[in-house]
């Protein structure tokens, strides 16, 4: 079964694709809620694509869920791909948590809030025993 939904809420044009999983309003709602939180954090996301699927079966017992999130942002794309056995909601949570961390890094970078190591002038030395400048 393959379902695709395309919608716009808040500022994000969103596409949700669910493959090889029975359609669930609860799953779709959870995806929308998680994406809405990303949009509330950073309202300059240009697009959001979420794919939830069960990859082709291998030698594994039970289901293995894969969640892929593609966020379109100025100058690039943030891509997250997470697998999780047994629970699609855990895979969703982990994927959106990773997407938020990457989005936070992106926002810090574009706002110039990236941590920089303090450099000491070449003529300044430090007392290694006390850690103070001499």
C-alpha atoms as a PDB file:
ATOM      1  CA  UNK A   1       0.000   0.000   0.000  1.00  0.00           C
ATOM      2  CA  UNK A   2       1.368   3.402  -0.900  1.00  0.00           C
ATOM      3  CA  UNK A   3      -0.245   6.653   0.095  1.00  0.00           C
ATOM      4  CA  UNK A   4       0.971  10.142  -0.600  1.00  0.00           C
ATOM      5  CA  UNK A   5      -0.338  13.316   0.934  1.00  0.00           C
ATOM      6  CA  UNK A   6       0.668  16.789   0.006  1.00  0.00           C
ATOM      7  CA  UNK A   7      -0.469  19.700   2.086  1.00  0.00           C
ATOM      8  CA  UNK A   8       0.543  23.078   3.387  1.00  0.00           C
ATOM      9  CA  UNK A   9       0.285  24.042   7.017  1.00  0.00           C
ATOM     10  CA  UNK A  10       2.060  26.788   8.809  1.00  0.00           C
ATOM     11  CA  UNK A  11       4.816  27.730   6.347  1.00  0.00           C
ATOM     12  CA  UNK A  12       5.946  24.303   5.162  1.00  0.00           C
ATOM     13  CA  UNK A  13       4.779  22.689   1.941  1.00  0.00           C
ATOM     14  CA  UNK A  14       4.669  19.082   3.131  1.00  0.00           C
ATOM     15  CA  UNK A  15       4.651  15.708   1.432  1.00  0.00           C
ATOM     16  CA  UNK A  16       4.029  12.522   3.394  1.00  0.00           C
ATOM     17  CA  UNK A  17       4.623   9.134   1.774  1.00  0.00           C
ATOM     18  CA  UNK A  18       3.710   5.901   3.544  1.00  0.00           C
ATOM     19  CA  UNK A  19       4.831   2.663   1.885  1.00  0.00           C
ATOM     20  CA  UNK A  20       4.051  -0.941   2.771  1.00  0.00           C
ATOM     21  CA  UNK A  21       2.348   0.081   6.015  1.00  0.00           C
ATOM     22  CA  UNK A  22      -1.369   0.099   6.668  1.00  0.00           C
ATOM     23  CA  UNK A  23      -2.662   3.691   6.567  1.00  0.00           C
ATOM     24  CA  UNK A  24      -3.163   5.198   9.993  1.00  0.00           C
ATOM     25  CA  UNK A  25      -4.616   8.594  10.816  1.00  0.00           C
ATOM     26  CA  UNK A  26      -2.628   8.487  14.070  1.00  0.00           C
ATOM     27  CA  UNK A  27       0.662   8.027  12.193  1.00  0.00           C
ATOM     28  CA  UNK A  28      -0.155  10.792   9.741  1.00  0.00           C
ATOM     29  CA  UNK A  29      -1.180  13.101  12.591  1.00  0.00           C
ATOM     30  CA  UNK A  30       2.055  12.398  14.492  1.00  0.00           C
ATOM     31  CA  UNK A  31       4.099  13.264  11.388  1.00  0.00           C
ATOM     32  CA  UNK A  32       2.198  16.546  10.956  1.00  0.00           C
ATOM     33  CA  UNK A  33       2.639  17.429  14.639  1.00  0.00           C
ATOM     34  CA  UNK A  34       6.386  16.746  14.552  1.00  0.00           C
ATOM     35  CA  UNK A  35       6.830  18.774  11.346  1.00  0.00           C
ATOM     36  CA  UNK A  36       4.775  21.628  12.808  1.00  0.00           C
ATOM     37  CA  UNK A  37       7.182  21.794  15.768  1.00  0.00           C
ATOM     38  CA  UNK A  38      10.125  22.100  13.372  1.00  0.00           C
ATOM     39  CA  UNK A  39       8.299  24.915  11.570  1.00  0.00           C
ATOM     40  CA  UNK A  40       7.619  26.682  14.874  1.00  0.00           C
ATOM     41  CA  UNK A  41      11.319  26.451  15.726  1.00  0.00           C
ATOM     42  CA  UNK A  42      12.466  27.814  12.342  1.00  0.00           C
ATOM     43  CA  UNK A  43       9.857  29.294  10.022  1.00  0.00           C
ATOM     44  CA  UNK A  44      12.116  29.488   6.961  1.00  0.00           C
ATOM     45  CA  UNK A  45      11.873  25.806   6.059  1.00  0.00           C
ATOM     46  CA  UNK A  46      10.945  25.729   2.370  1.00  0.00           C
ATOM     47  CA  UNK A  47       9.763  22.131   2.123  1.00  0.00           C
ATOM     48  CA  UNK A  48       9.375  18.962   4.148  1.00  0.00           C
ATOM     49  CA  UNK A  49       9.185  15.449   2.726  1.00  0.00           C
ATOM     50  CA  UNK A  50       8.666  12.479   5.046  1.00  0.00           C
ATOM     51  CA  UNK A  51       8.805   8.877   3.865  1.00  0.00           C
ATOM     52  CA  UNK A  52       7.826   6.081   6.233  1.00  0.00           C
ATOM     53  CA  UNK A  53       8.295   2.565   4.939  1.00  0.00           C
ATOM     54  CA  UNK A  54       9.050  -1.031   5.671  1.00  0.00           C
ATOM     55  CA  UNK A  55      12.043  -1.880   3.482  1.00  0.00           C
ATOM     56  CA  UNK A  56      12.097  -5.181   1.623  1.00  0.00           C
ATOM     57  CA  UNK A  57      12.274  -8.055   4.032  1.00  0.00           C
ATOM     58  CA  UNK A  58      15.637  -9.690   4.605  1.00  0.00           C
ATOM     59  CA  UNK A  59      16.573 -12.258   7.229  1.00  0.00           C
ATOM     60  CA  UNK A  60      15.172 -10.088  10.070  1.00  0.00           C
ATOM     61  CA  UNK A  61      12.327 -11.192  12.255  1.00  0.00           C
ATOM     62  CA  UNK A  62       9.652  -8.602  12.850  1.00  0.00           C
ATOM     63  CA  UNK A  63       9.253  -5.309  11.018  1.00  0.00           C
ATOM     64  CA  UNK A  64      12.051  -2.856  10.416  1.00  0.00           C
ATOM     65  CA  UNK A  65      10.728   0.673   9.879  1.00  0.00           C
ATOM     66  CA  UNK A  66      12.620   3.338   7.953  1.00  0.00           C
ATOM     67  CA  UNK A  67      11.880   7.060   8.263  1.00  0.00           C
ATOM     68  CA  UNK A  68      13.472   9.563   5.912  1.00  0.00           C
ATOM     69  CA  UNK A  69      13.030  13.312   6.362  1.00  0.00           C
ATOM     70  CA  UNK A  70      14.159  15.866   3.777  1.00  0.00           C
ATOM     71  CA  UNK A  71      13.947  19.509   4.847  1.00  0.00           C
ATOM     72  CA  UNK A  72      14.528  22.114   2.159  1.00  0.00           C
ATOM     73  CA  UNK A  73      16.340  25.141   3.557  1.00  0.00           C
ATOM     74  CA  UNK A  74      18.056  28.096   1.902  1.00  0.00           C
ATOM     75  CA  UNK A  75      21.298  26.907   0.375  1.00  0.00           C
ATOM     76  CA  UNK A  76      20.686  23.200   0.795  1.00  0.00           C
ATOM     77  CA  UNK A  77      18.818  20.366   2.337  1.00  0.00           C
ATOM     78  CA  UNK A  78      18.797  18.658   5.711  1.00  0.00           C
ATOM     79  CA  UNK A  79      18.432  14.893   5.303  1.00  0.00           C
ATOM     80  CA  UNK A  80      17.771  12.396   8.072  1.00  0.00           C
ATOM     81  CA  UNK A  81      17.395   8.647   7.619  1.00  0.00           C
ATOM     82  CA  UNK A  82      16.512   6.459  10.619  1.00  0.00           C
ATOM     83  CA  UNK A  83      15.750   2.746  10.944  1.00  0.00           C
ATOM     84  CA  UNK A  84      14.107   1.148  13.936  1.00  0.00           C
ATOM     85  CA  UNK A  85      12.911  -2.358  14.565  1.00  0.00           C
ATOM     86  CA  UNK A  86       9.409  -3.012  15.821  1.00  0.00           C
ATOM     87  CA  UNK A  87       8.034   0.489  16.467  1.00  0.00           C
ATOM     88  CA  UNK A  88       7.312   3.050  13.768  1.00  0.00           C
ATOM     89  CA  UNK A  89       6.641   5.754  16.377  1.00  0.00           C
ATOM     90  CA  UNK A  90      10.099   5.312  17.909  1.00  0.00           C
ATOM     91  CA  UNK A  91      11.638   5.566  14.431  1.00  0.00           C
ATOM     92  CA  UNK A  92       9.607   8.745  13.820  1.00  0.00           C
ATOM     93  CA  UNK A  93      10.651  10.276  17.155  1.00  0.00           C
ATOM     94  CA  UNK A  94      14.326   9.495  16.560  1.00  0.00           C
ATOM     95  CA  UNK A  95      14.232  10.862  13.005  1.00  0.00           C
ATOM     96  CA  UNK A  96      12.516  14.121  13.990  1.00  0.00           C
ATOM     97  CA  UNK A  97      14.843  14.559  16.984  1.00  0.00           C
ATOM     98  CA  UNK A  98      17.834  14.194  14.646  1.00  0.00           C
ATOM     99  CA  UNK A  99      16.240  16.615  12.165  1.00  0.00           C
ATOM    100  CA  UNK A 100      15.749  19.193  14.937  1.00  0.00           C
ATOM    101  CA  UNK A 101      19.399  18.874  16.022  1.00  0.00           C
ATOM    102  CA  UNK A 102      20.568  19.359  12.431  1.00  0.00           C
ATOM    103  CA  UNK A 103      18.178  22.301  12.016  1.00  0.00           C
ATOM    104  CA  UNK A 104      19.502  23.873  15.235  1.00  0.00           C
ATOM    105  CA  UNK A 105      23.062  23.542  13.864  1.00  0.00           C
ATOM    106  CA  UNK A 106      21.955  25.094  10.568  1.00  0.00           C
ATOM    107  CA  UNK A 107      20.256  28.025  12.353  1.00  0.00           C
ATOM    108  CA  UNK A 108      23.336  28.675  14.519  1.00  0.00           C
ATOM    109  CA  UNK A 109      25.498  28.646  11.405  1.00  0.00           C
ATOM    110  CA  UNK A 110      23.384  31.109   9.416  1.00  0.00           C
ATOM    111  CA  UNK A 111      22.968  33.417  12.403  1.00  0.00           C
ATOM    112  CA  UNK A 112      26.696  33.399  13.048  1.00  0.00           C
ATOM    113  CA  UNK A 113      26.349  31.808  16.471  1.00  0.00           C
ATOM    114  CA  UNK A 114      28.779  29.016  15.731  1.00  0.00           C
ATOM    115  CA  UNK A 115      31.144  28.398  18.622  1.00  0.00           C
ATOM    116  CA  UNK A 116      34.647  29.526  17.842  1.00  0.00           C
ATOM    117  CA  UNK A 117      37.703  28.564  19.829  1.00  0.00           C
ATOM    118  CA  UNK A 118      39.382  31.508  21.443  1.00  0.00           C
ATOM    119  CA  UNK A 119      42.832  32.110  20.012  1.00  0.00           C
ATOM    120  CA  UNK A 120      45.562  33.754  22.034  1.00  0.00           C
ATOM    121  CA  UNK A 121      47.875  36.327  20.584  1.00  0.00           C
ATOM    122  CA  UNK A 122      51.223  34.823  19.593  1.00  0.00           C
ATOM    123  CA  UNK A 123      53.149  36.954  22.104  1.00  0.00           C
ATOM    124  CA  UNK A 124      50.996  35.919  25.077  1.00  0.00           C
ATOM    125  CA  UNK A 125      52.093  32.855  27.013  1.00  0.00           C
ATOM    126  CA  UNK A 126      50.362  30.921  29.731  1.00  0.00           C
ATOM    127  CA  UNK A 127      51.683  29.476  32.972  1.00  0.00           C
ATOM    128  CA  UNK A 128      50.903  25.769  32.592  1.00  0.00           C
ATOM    129  CA  UNK A 129      50.691  25.205  36.358  1.00  0.00           C
ATOM    130  CA  UNK A 130      48.057  27.882  37.046  1.00  0.00           C
ATOM    131  CA  UNK A 131      46.491  28.332  33.599  1.00  0.00           C
ATOM    132  CA  UNK A 132      46.917  32.104  33.907  1.00  0.00           C
ATOM    133  CA  UNK A 133      48.560  34.481  31.480  1.00  0.00           C
ATOM    134  CA  UNK A 134      52.030  35.753  32.345  1.00  0.00           C
END
